[in-house]
Amino acid sequence: MTTSEAEKYLHEQIPITRAMGVRVAAHDENGFVIDAPVALNSNHLGTAFGGSINAVATLAAYGLLWLELRGDPAVHVVVAESSIRFLRPVREKIVAICRRPGADEWTAFRTQFSEKGKARITLHVNVVEEGQAAAEFEGIFVARSG
């Protein structure tokens, strides 16, 4: 699946992503990257709204897992638990990078999913701006076959 197809899916299935200006920037062996302009996600201080940063980080992790499961419409991905730590303001663009988990984590996840039709995995997202960490997100995501 291409980045434009993934972006189209997000915009169709999660309508707020369109209003937020969410764009899928990359999906490769390193992970899944999305971004959104602060201009559409600002707070009263002119920086990125914390809720928007959290949403973009959540979407980066969701997108990585959804694509890893090959976008199968019979598979449902949900966030079960998450936390975020804000480190500095974001002024121009919210860039969320969900790195791929290690091979052992993927293997355990895939084994459990194939055996039980349901599995959970912890994903980590870094929100960066101009090469500096702006927020750190961790979420437990659950995938189940529909």
N, C-alpha and C. Protein backbone atom coordinates (compact mmCIF):
# COMPACT_ATOMS: atom_id res chain seq x y z
N MET A 1 0.85 -1.18 0.00
CA MET A 1 0.00 0.00 0.00
C MET A 1 0.89 1.24 0.00
N THR A 2 0.54 2.20 -0.82
CA THR A 2 1.33 3.43 -0.92
C THR A 2 0.97 4.40 0.21
N THR A 3 1.81 5.40 0.39
CA THR A 3 1.51 6.41 1.41
C THR A 3 0.24 7.17 1.06
N SER A 4 0.00 7.42 -0.22
CA SER A 4 -1.22 8.14 -0.60
C SER A 4 -2.47 7.29 -0.35
N GLU A 5 -2.37 5.97 -0.52
CA GLU A 5 -3.50 5.09 -0.21
C GLU A 5 -3.75 5.05 1.30
N ALA A 6 -2.68 5.02 2.07
CA ALA A 6 -2.83 5.04 3.54
C ALA A 6 -3.46 6.36 3.99
N GLU A 7 -3.02 7.45 3.41
CA GLU A 7 -3.58 8.77 3.74
C GLU A 7 -5.06 8.83 3.38
N LYS A 8 -5.41 8.32 2.23
CA LYS A 8 -6.81 8.29 1.79
C LYS A 8 -7.65 7.49 2.78
N TYR A 9 -7.14 6.35 3.21
CA TYR A 9 -7.85 5.53 4.19
C TYR A 9 -8.10 6.32 5.48
N LEU A 10 -7.06 6.96 6.00
CA LEU A 10 -7.22 7.74 7.23
C LEU A 10 -8.27 8.83 7.06
N HIS A 11 -8.21 9.54 5.94
CA HIS A 11 -9.17 10.63 5.71
C HIS A 11 -10.60 10.12 5.56
N GLU A 12 -10.77 8.94 4.98
CA GLU A 12 -12.11 8.38 4.81
C GLU A 12 -12.66 7.77 6.10
N GLN A 13 -11.82 7.05 6.81
CA GLN A 13 -12.27 6.31 7.98
C GLN A 13 -12.21 7.11 9.29
N ILE A 14 -11.35 8.10 9.35
CA ILE A 14 -11.21 8.94 10.54
C ILE A 14 -11.29 10.39 10.05
N PRO A 15 -12.51 10.88 9.83
CA PRO A 15 -12.71 12.18 9.15
C PRO A 15 -11.96 13.37 9.75
N ILE A 16 -11.73 13.37 11.04
CA ILE A 16 -11.04 14.51 11.64
C ILE A 16 -9.62 14.66 11.08
N THR A 17 -9.04 13.59 10.56
CA THR A 17 -7.68 13.67 10.02
C THR A 17 -7.62 14.63 8.83
N ARG A 18 -8.70 14.72 8.08
CA ARG A 18 -8.75 15.65 6.94
C ARG A 18 -8.71 17.09 7.45
N ALA A 19 -9.55 17.37 8.45
CA ALA A 19 -9.60 18.73 9.02
C ALA A 19 -8.28 19.12 9.68
N MET A 20 -7.58 18.12 10.22
CA MET A 20 -6.29 18.38 10.87
C MET A 20 -5.16 18.54 9.87
N GLY A 21 -5.40 18.22 8.60
CA GLY A 21 -4.35 18.31 7.59
C GLY A 21 -3.33 17.19 7.69
N VAL A 22 -3.74 16.05 8.24
CA VAL A 22 -2.82 14.93 8.41
C VAL A 22 -2.38 14.42 7.04
N ARG A 23 -1.07 14.20 6.94
CA ARG A 23 -0.45 13.71 5.71
C ARG A 23 0.47 12.55 6.06
N VAL A 24 0.37 11.48 5.31
CA VAL A 24 1.29 10.35 5.50
C VAL A 24 2.57 10.68 4.76
N ALA A 25 3.65 10.81 5.50
CA ALA A 25 4.93 11.24 4.93
C ALA A 25 5.82 10.07 4.52
N ALA A 26 5.74 8.95 5.25
CA ALA A 26 6.62 7.81 4.92
C ALA A 26 6.09 6.54 5.55
N HIS A 27 6.34 5.45 4.86
CA HIS A 27 6.11 4.11 5.40
C HIS A 27 7.16 3.22 4.76
N ASP A 28 8.12 2.80 5.58
CA ASP A 28 9.21 1.99 5.06
C ASP A 28 9.72 1.07 6.15
N GLU A 29 10.89 0.49 5.92
CA GLU A 29 11.45 -0.46 6.89
C GLU A 29 11.75 0.17 8.24
N ASN A 30 11.85 1.49 8.30
CA ASN A 30 12.13 2.17 9.56
C ASN A 30 10.89 2.44 10.38
N GLY A 31 9.75 2.60 9.73
CA GLY A 31 8.52 2.87 10.46
C GLY A 31 7.52 3.64 9.64
N PHE A 32 6.61 4.32 10.33
CA PHE A 32 5.50 5.05 9.73
C PHE A 32 5.57 6.49 10.23
N VAL A 33 5.51 7.45 9.32
CA VAL A 33 5.64 8.86 9.67
C VAL A 33 4.45 9.63 9.12
N ILE A 34 3.80 10.39 9.99
CA ILE A 34 2.74 11.29 9.54
C ILE A 34 3.03 12.69 10.07
N ASP A 35 2.43 13.67 9.42
CA ASP A 35 2.59 15.04 9.91
C ASP A 35 1.30 15.82 9.74
N ALA A 36 1.25 16.95 10.42
CA ALA A 36 0.09 17.84 10.34
C ALA A 36 0.57 19.25 10.65
N PRO A 37 0.06 20.25 9.93
CA PRO A 37 0.51 21.62 10.16
C PRO A 37 -0.06 22.22 11.45
N VAL A 38 0.78 22.97 12.13
CA VAL A 38 0.32 23.65 13.35
C VAL A 38 -0.79 24.64 13.01
N ALA A 39 -0.75 25.23 11.83
CA ALA A 39 -1.77 26.21 11.43
C ALA A 39 -3.19 25.66 11.58
N LEU A 40 -3.38 24.36 11.39
CA LEU A 40 -4.70 23.74 11.53
C LEU A 40 -4.90 23.09 12.90
N ASN A 41 -3.87 23.13 13.74
CA ASN A 41 -3.89 22.43 15.03
C ASN A 41 -3.32 23.28 16.16
N SER A 42 -3.60 24.58 16.11
CA SER A 42 -2.96 25.48 17.07
C SER A 42 -3.82 25.74 18.30
N ASN A 43 -3.16 26.18 19.34
CA ASN A 43 -3.82 26.58 20.56
C ASN A 43 -3.79 28.11 20.66
N HIS A 44 -4.19 28.64 21.79
CA HIS A 44 -4.24 30.09 21.99
C HIS A 44 -2.86 30.74 22.01
N LEU A 45 -1.80 29.95 22.11
CA LEU A 45 -0.44 30.49 22.12
C LEU A 45 0.21 30.45 20.74
N GLY A 46 -0.51 29.89 19.76
CA GLY A 46 0.04 29.80 18.41
C GLY A 46 0.96 28.61 18.22
N THR A 47 1.01 27.72 19.20
CA THR A 47 1.78 26.48 19.08
C THR A 47 0.79 25.33 18.91
N ALA A 48 1.32 24.15 18.67
CA ALA A 48 0.44 22.99 18.47
C ALA A 48 -0.35 22.68 19.73
N PHE A 49 -1.64 22.44 19.55
CA PHE A 49 -2.52 22.04 20.64
C PHE A 49 -2.12 20.65 21.11
N GLY A 50 -2.01 20.45 22.41
CA GLY A 50 -1.59 19.15 22.96
C GLY A 50 -2.46 18.00 22.51
N GLY A 51 -3.76 18.23 22.39
CA GLY A 51 -4.66 17.17 21.92
C GLY A 51 -4.37 16.77 20.50
N SER A 52 -3.98 17.74 19.67
CA SER A 52 -3.62 17.43 18.28
C SER A 52 -2.31 16.64 18.23
N ILE A 53 -1.35 17.02 19.05
CA ILE A 53 -0.09 16.27 19.10
C ILE A 53 -0.38 14.83 19.50
N ASN A 54 -1.21 14.66 20.51
CA ASN A 54 -1.57 13.31 20.96
C ASN A 54 -2.28 12.54 19.86
N ALA A 55 -3.20 13.19 19.16
CA ALA A 55 -3.94 12.54 18.08
C ALA A 55 -3.01 12.11 16.95
N VAL A 56 -2.10 12.98 16.55
CA VAL A 56 -1.18 12.65 15.46
C VAL A 56 -0.26 11.51 15.88
N ALA A 57 0.20 11.51 17.12
CA ALA A 57 1.04 10.41 17.61
C ALA A 57 0.26 9.10 17.63
N THR A 58 -0.99 9.14 18.08
CA THR A 58 -1.83 7.95 18.10
C THR A 58 -2.04 7.42 16.69
N LEU A 59 -2.29 8.32 15.76
CA LEU A 59 -2.49 7.93 14.36
C LEU A 59 -1.24 7.31 13.75
N ALA A 60 -0.07 7.78 14.13
CA ALA A 60 1.17 7.20 13.60
C ALA A 60 1.30 5.74 14.04
N ALA A 61 1.02 5.46 15.30
CA ALA A 61 1.09 4.09 15.78
C ALA A 61 0.00 3.23 15.16
N TYR A 62 -1.21 3.76 15.13
CA TYR A 62 -2.34 3.06 14.52
C TYR A 62 -2.01 2.71 13.06
N GLY A 63 -1.50 3.70 12.32
CA GLY A 63 -1.18 3.50 10.91
C GLY A 63 -0.14 2.43 10.69
N LEU A 64 0.89 2.43 11.53
CA LEU A 64 1.93 1.41 11.39
C LEU A 64 1.33 0.02 11.56
N LEU A 65 0.55 -0.17 12.61
CA LEU A 65 -0.01 -1.49 12.87
C LEU A 65 -1.02 -1.88 11.79
N TRP A 66 -1.87 -0.94 11.40
CA TRP A 66 -2.86 -1.22 10.37
C TRP A 66 -2.18 -1.65 9.06
N LEU A 67 -1.13 -0.95 8.68
CA LEU A 67 -0.41 -1.31 7.46
C LEU A 67 0.33 -2.63 7.60
N GLU A 68 0.85 -2.91 8.78
CA GLU A 68 1.53 -4.19 8.99
C GLU A 68 0.57 -5.35 8.82
N LEU A 69 -0.68 -5.10 9.14
CA LEU A 69 -1.70 -6.14 8.98
C LEU A 69 -2.30 -6.07 7.58
N ARG A 70 -1.63 -5.32 6.70
CA ARG A 70 -1.95 -5.19 5.28
C ARG A 70 -3.30 -4.55 5.00
N GLY A 71 -3.75 -3.73 5.92
CA GLY A 71 -4.98 -2.99 5.67
C GLY A 71 -6.19 -3.88 5.47
N ASP A 72 -6.17 -5.07 6.03
CA ASP A 72 -7.28 -6.01 5.90
C ASP A 72 -8.53 -5.43 6.56
N PRO A 73 -9.63 -5.23 5.82
CA PRO A 73 -10.84 -4.65 6.41
C PRO A 73 -11.47 -5.53 7.48
N ALA A 74 -11.10 -6.81 7.53
CA ALA A 74 -11.64 -7.70 8.55
C ALA A 74 -10.87 -7.60 9.86
N VAL A 75 -9.78 -6.84 9.87
CA VAL A 75 -8.98 -6.66 11.08
C VAL A 75 -9.30 -5.29 11.67
N HIS A 76 -9.55 -5.29 12.96
CA HIS A 76 -9.85 -4.04 13.66
C HIS A 76 -8.68 -3.71 14.58
N VAL A 77 -8.21 -2.47 14.50
CA VAL A 77 -7.11 -2.00 15.34
C VAL A 77 -7.66 -0.90 16.22
N VAL A 78 -7.41 -1.01 17.53
CA VAL A 78 -7.84 0.03 18.47
C VAL A 78 -6.72 0.30 19.48
N VAL A 79 -6.73 1.49 20.03
CA VAL A 79 -5.79 1.82 21.11
C VAL A 79 -6.47 1.46 22.42
N ALA A 80 -5.78 0.70 23.26
CA ALA A 80 -6.34 0.26 24.54
C ALA A 80 -5.89 1.17 25.68
N GLU A 81 -4.68 1.71 25.54
CA GLU A 81 -4.12 2.54 26.60
C GLU A 81 -3.00 3.37 26.00
N SER A 82 -2.85 4.59 26.45
CA SER A 82 -1.74 5.40 25.94
C SER A 82 -1.33 6.45 26.95
N SER A 83 -0.11 6.94 26.76
CA SER A 83 0.39 8.06 27.56
C SER A 83 1.30 8.89 26.67
N ILE A 84 1.39 10.17 27.00
CA ILE A 84 2.24 11.07 26.23
C ILE A 84 2.96 11.99 27.19
N ARG A 85 4.17 12.33 26.82
CA ARG A 85 4.96 13.28 27.61
C ARG A 85 5.37 14.40 26.67
N PHE A 86 4.97 15.62 27.01
CA PHE A 86 5.29 16.78 26.18
C PHE A 86 6.61 17.37 26.65
N LEU A 87 7.53 17.59 25.71
CA LEU A 87 8.88 18.04 26.05
C LEU A 87 9.15 19.49 25.67
N ARG A 88 8.55 19.95 24.59
CA ARG A 88 8.74 21.33 24.13
C ARG A 88 7.61 21.69 23.17
N PRO A 89 7.36 22.97 22.97
CA PRO A 89 6.30 23.37 22.04
C PRO A 89 6.65 23.02 20.59
N VAL A 90 5.60 22.78 19.81
CA VAL A 90 5.75 22.56 18.37
C VAL A 90 5.18 23.80 17.71
N ARG A 91 5.97 24.42 16.83
CA ARG A 91 5.57 25.71 16.26
C ARG A 91 5.16 25.67 14.79
N GLU A 92 5.65 24.73 14.01
CA GLU A 92 5.37 24.72 12.57
C GLU A 92 4.61 23.49 12.10
N LYS A 93 5.18 22.31 12.39
CA LYS A 93 4.59 21.07 11.89
C LYS A 93 4.74 19.97 12.94
N ILE A 94 3.65 19.24 13.17
CA ILE A 94 3.68 18.08 14.06
C ILE A 94 4.14 16.90 13.21
N VAL A 95 5.28 16.33 13.54
CA VAL A 95 5.81 15.17 12.82
C VAL A 95 5.90 14.01 13.81
N ALA A 96 5.14 12.96 13.55
CA ALA A 96 5.10 11.80 14.44
C ALA A 96 5.71 10.60 13.75
N ILE A 97 6.69 9.99 14.40
CA ILE A 97 7.43 8.86 13.85
C ILE A 97 7.21 7.65 14.73
N CYS A 98 6.54 6.64 14.18
CA CYS A 98 6.37 5.38 14.90
C CYS A 98 7.39 4.40 14.35
N ARG A 99 8.36 4.08 15.16
CA ARG A 99 9.40 3.12 14.77
C ARG A 99 8.86 1.71 14.89
N ARG A 100 9.35 0.84 14.04
CA ARG A 100 8.95 -0.56 14.11
C ARG A 100 9.50 -1.20 15.39
N PRO A 101 8.68 -2.01 16.02
CA PRO A 101 9.20 -2.76 17.17
C PRO A 101 10.25 -3.78 16.71
N GLY A 102 10.96 -4.32 17.66
CA GLY A 102 11.97 -5.32 17.34
C GLY A 102 11.36 -6.59 16.77
N ALA A 103 12.20 -7.39 16.14
CA ALA A 103 11.75 -8.62 15.48
C ALA A 103 11.07 -9.57 16.46
N ASP A 104 11.58 -9.70 17.68
CA ASP A 104 10.98 -10.60 18.67
C ASP A 104 9.57 -10.15 19.05
N GLU A 105 9.39 -8.83 19.20
CA GLU A 105 8.05 -8.31 19.53
C GLU A 105 7.06 -8.59 18.40
N TRP A 106 7.50 -8.34 17.15
CA TRP A 106 6.62 -8.61 16.00
C TRP A 106 6.27 -10.07 15.92
N THR A 107 7.26 -10.94 16.13
CA THR A 107 7.01 -12.38 16.04
C THR A 107 5.99 -12.81 17.10
N ALA A 108 6.15 -12.35 18.32
CA ALA A 108 5.21 -12.70 19.40
C ALA A 108 3.81 -12.17 19.07
N PHE A 109 3.73 -10.95 18.57
CA PHE A 109 2.45 -10.37 18.21
C PHE A 109 1.77 -11.18 17.11
N ARG A 110 2.51 -11.45 16.05
CA ARG A 110 1.95 -12.19 14.91
C ARG A 110 1.54 -13.61 15.29
N THR A 111 2.33 -14.25 16.13
CA THR A 111 1.98 -15.61 16.57
C THR A 111 0.68 -15.59 17.36
N GLN A 112 0.58 -14.67 18.30
CA GLN A 112 -0.64 -14.58 19.10
C GLN A 112 -1.84 -14.23 18.21
N PHE A 113 -1.66 -13.32 17.27
CA PHE A 113 -2.75 -12.92 16.38
C PHE A 113 -3.22 -14.10 15.53
N SER A 114 -2.28 -14.86 14.98
CA SER A 114 -2.67 -15.98 14.12
C SER A 114 -3.31 -17.11 14.92
N GLU A 115 -2.88 -17.30 16.16
CA GLU A 115 -3.43 -18.38 16.99
C GLU A 115 -4.77 -18.02 17.62
N LYS A 116 -4.91 -16.77 18.05
CA LYS A 116 -6.10 -16.39 18.82
C LYS A 116 -7.02 -15.40 18.11
N GLY A 117 -6.54 -14.81 16.99
CA GLY A 117 -7.34 -13.82 16.30
C GLY A 117 -7.37 -12.48 17.01
N LYS A 118 -6.50 -12.34 18.00
CA LYS A 118 -6.43 -11.10 18.78
C LYS A 118 -5.03 -11.02 19.39
N ALA A 119 -4.46 -9.83 19.38
CA ALA A 119 -3.13 -9.64 19.97
C ALA A 119 -2.95 -8.18 20.34
N ARG A 120 -2.04 -7.94 21.24
CA ARG A 120 -1.72 -6.56 21.62
C ARG A 120 -0.22 -6.33 21.53
N ILE A 121 0.10 -5.06 21.29
CA ILE A 121 1.51 -4.69 21.16
C ILE A 121 1.68 -3.26 21.65
N THR A 122 2.82 -2.99 22.24
CA THR A 122 3.14 -1.63 22.68
C THR A 122 3.96 -0.95 21.59
N LEU A 123 3.50 0.23 21.18
CA LEU A 123 4.19 1.00 20.15
C LEU A 123 4.65 2.34 20.71
N HIS A 124 5.78 2.80 20.20
CA HIS A 124 6.38 4.05 20.66
C HIS A 124 6.45 5.04 19.50
N VAL A 125 6.10 6.28 19.79
CA VAL A 125 6.11 7.34 18.78
C VAL A 125 6.90 8.52 19.32
N ASN A 126 7.76 9.06 18.47
CA ASN A 126 8.46 10.31 18.80
C ASN A 126 7.87 11.42 17.93
N VAL A 127 7.52 12.51 18.58
CA VAL A 127 7.08 13.70 17.86
C VAL A 127 8.28 14.63 17.84
N VAL A 128 8.66 15.06 16.64
CA VAL A 128 9.86 15.88 16.50
C VAL A 128 9.57 17.14 15.70
N GLU A 129 10.41 18.13 15.94
CA GLU A 129 10.39 19.33 15.12
C GLU A 129 11.81 19.85 15.05
N GLU A 130 12.26 20.10 13.82
CA GLU A 130 13.62 20.59 13.58
C GLU A 130 14.67 19.72 14.27
N GLY A 131 14.47 18.40 14.21
CA GLY A 131 15.43 17.46 14.76
C GLY A 131 15.40 17.32 16.27
N GLN A 132 14.49 18.02 16.94
CA GLN A 132 14.42 17.96 18.40
C GLN A 132 13.16 17.23 18.84
N ALA A 133 13.29 16.44 19.89
CA ALA A 133 12.13 15.73 20.44
C ALA A 133 11.17 16.74 21.05
N ALA A 134 9.90 16.63 20.68
CA ALA A 134 8.87 17.52 21.23
C ALA A 134 7.90 16.77 22.13
N ALA A 135 7.71 15.47 21.87
CA ALA A 135 6.83 14.65 22.70
C ALA A 135 7.19 13.18 22.51
N GLU A 136 6.88 12.39 23.53
CA GLU A 136 7.09 10.95 23.49
C GLU A 136 5.78 10.28 23.83
N PHE A 137 5.33 9.39 22.96
CA PHE A 137 4.05 8.70 23.10
C PHE A 137 4.30 7.21 23.22
N GLU A 138 3.52 6.56 24.06
CA GLU A 138 3.54 5.11 24.16
C GLU A 138 2.09 4.64 24.21
N GLY A 139 1.77 3.66 23.40
CA GLY A 139 0.41 3.14 23.37
C GLY A 139 0.36 1.64 23.25
N ILE A 140 -0.62 1.06 23.91
CA ILE A 140 -0.89 -0.35 23.76
C ILE A 140 -2.04 -0.47 22.76
N PHE A 141 -1.76 -1.14 21.65
CA PHE A 141 -2.74 -1.30 20.59
C PHE A 141 -3.17 -2.75 20.52
N VAL A 142 -4.45 -2.94 20.24
CA VAL A 142 -5.02 -4.27 20.11
C VAL A 142 -5.52 -4.45 18.68
N ALA A 143 -5.20 -5.59 18.12
CA ALA A 143 -5.73 -5.95 16.79
C ALA A 143 -6.54 -7.22 16.98
N ARG A 144 -7.68 -7.25 16.32
CA ARG A 144 -8.49 -8.45 16.37
C ARG A 144 -9.13 -8.66 15.00
N SER A 145 -9.31 -9.93 14.67
CA SER A 145 -9.96 -10.20 13.39
C SER A 145 -11.47 -10.06 13.60
N GLY A 146 -12.10 -9.46 12.57
CA GLY A 146 -13.51 -9.08 12.66
C GLY A 146 -14.41 -10.23 12.46
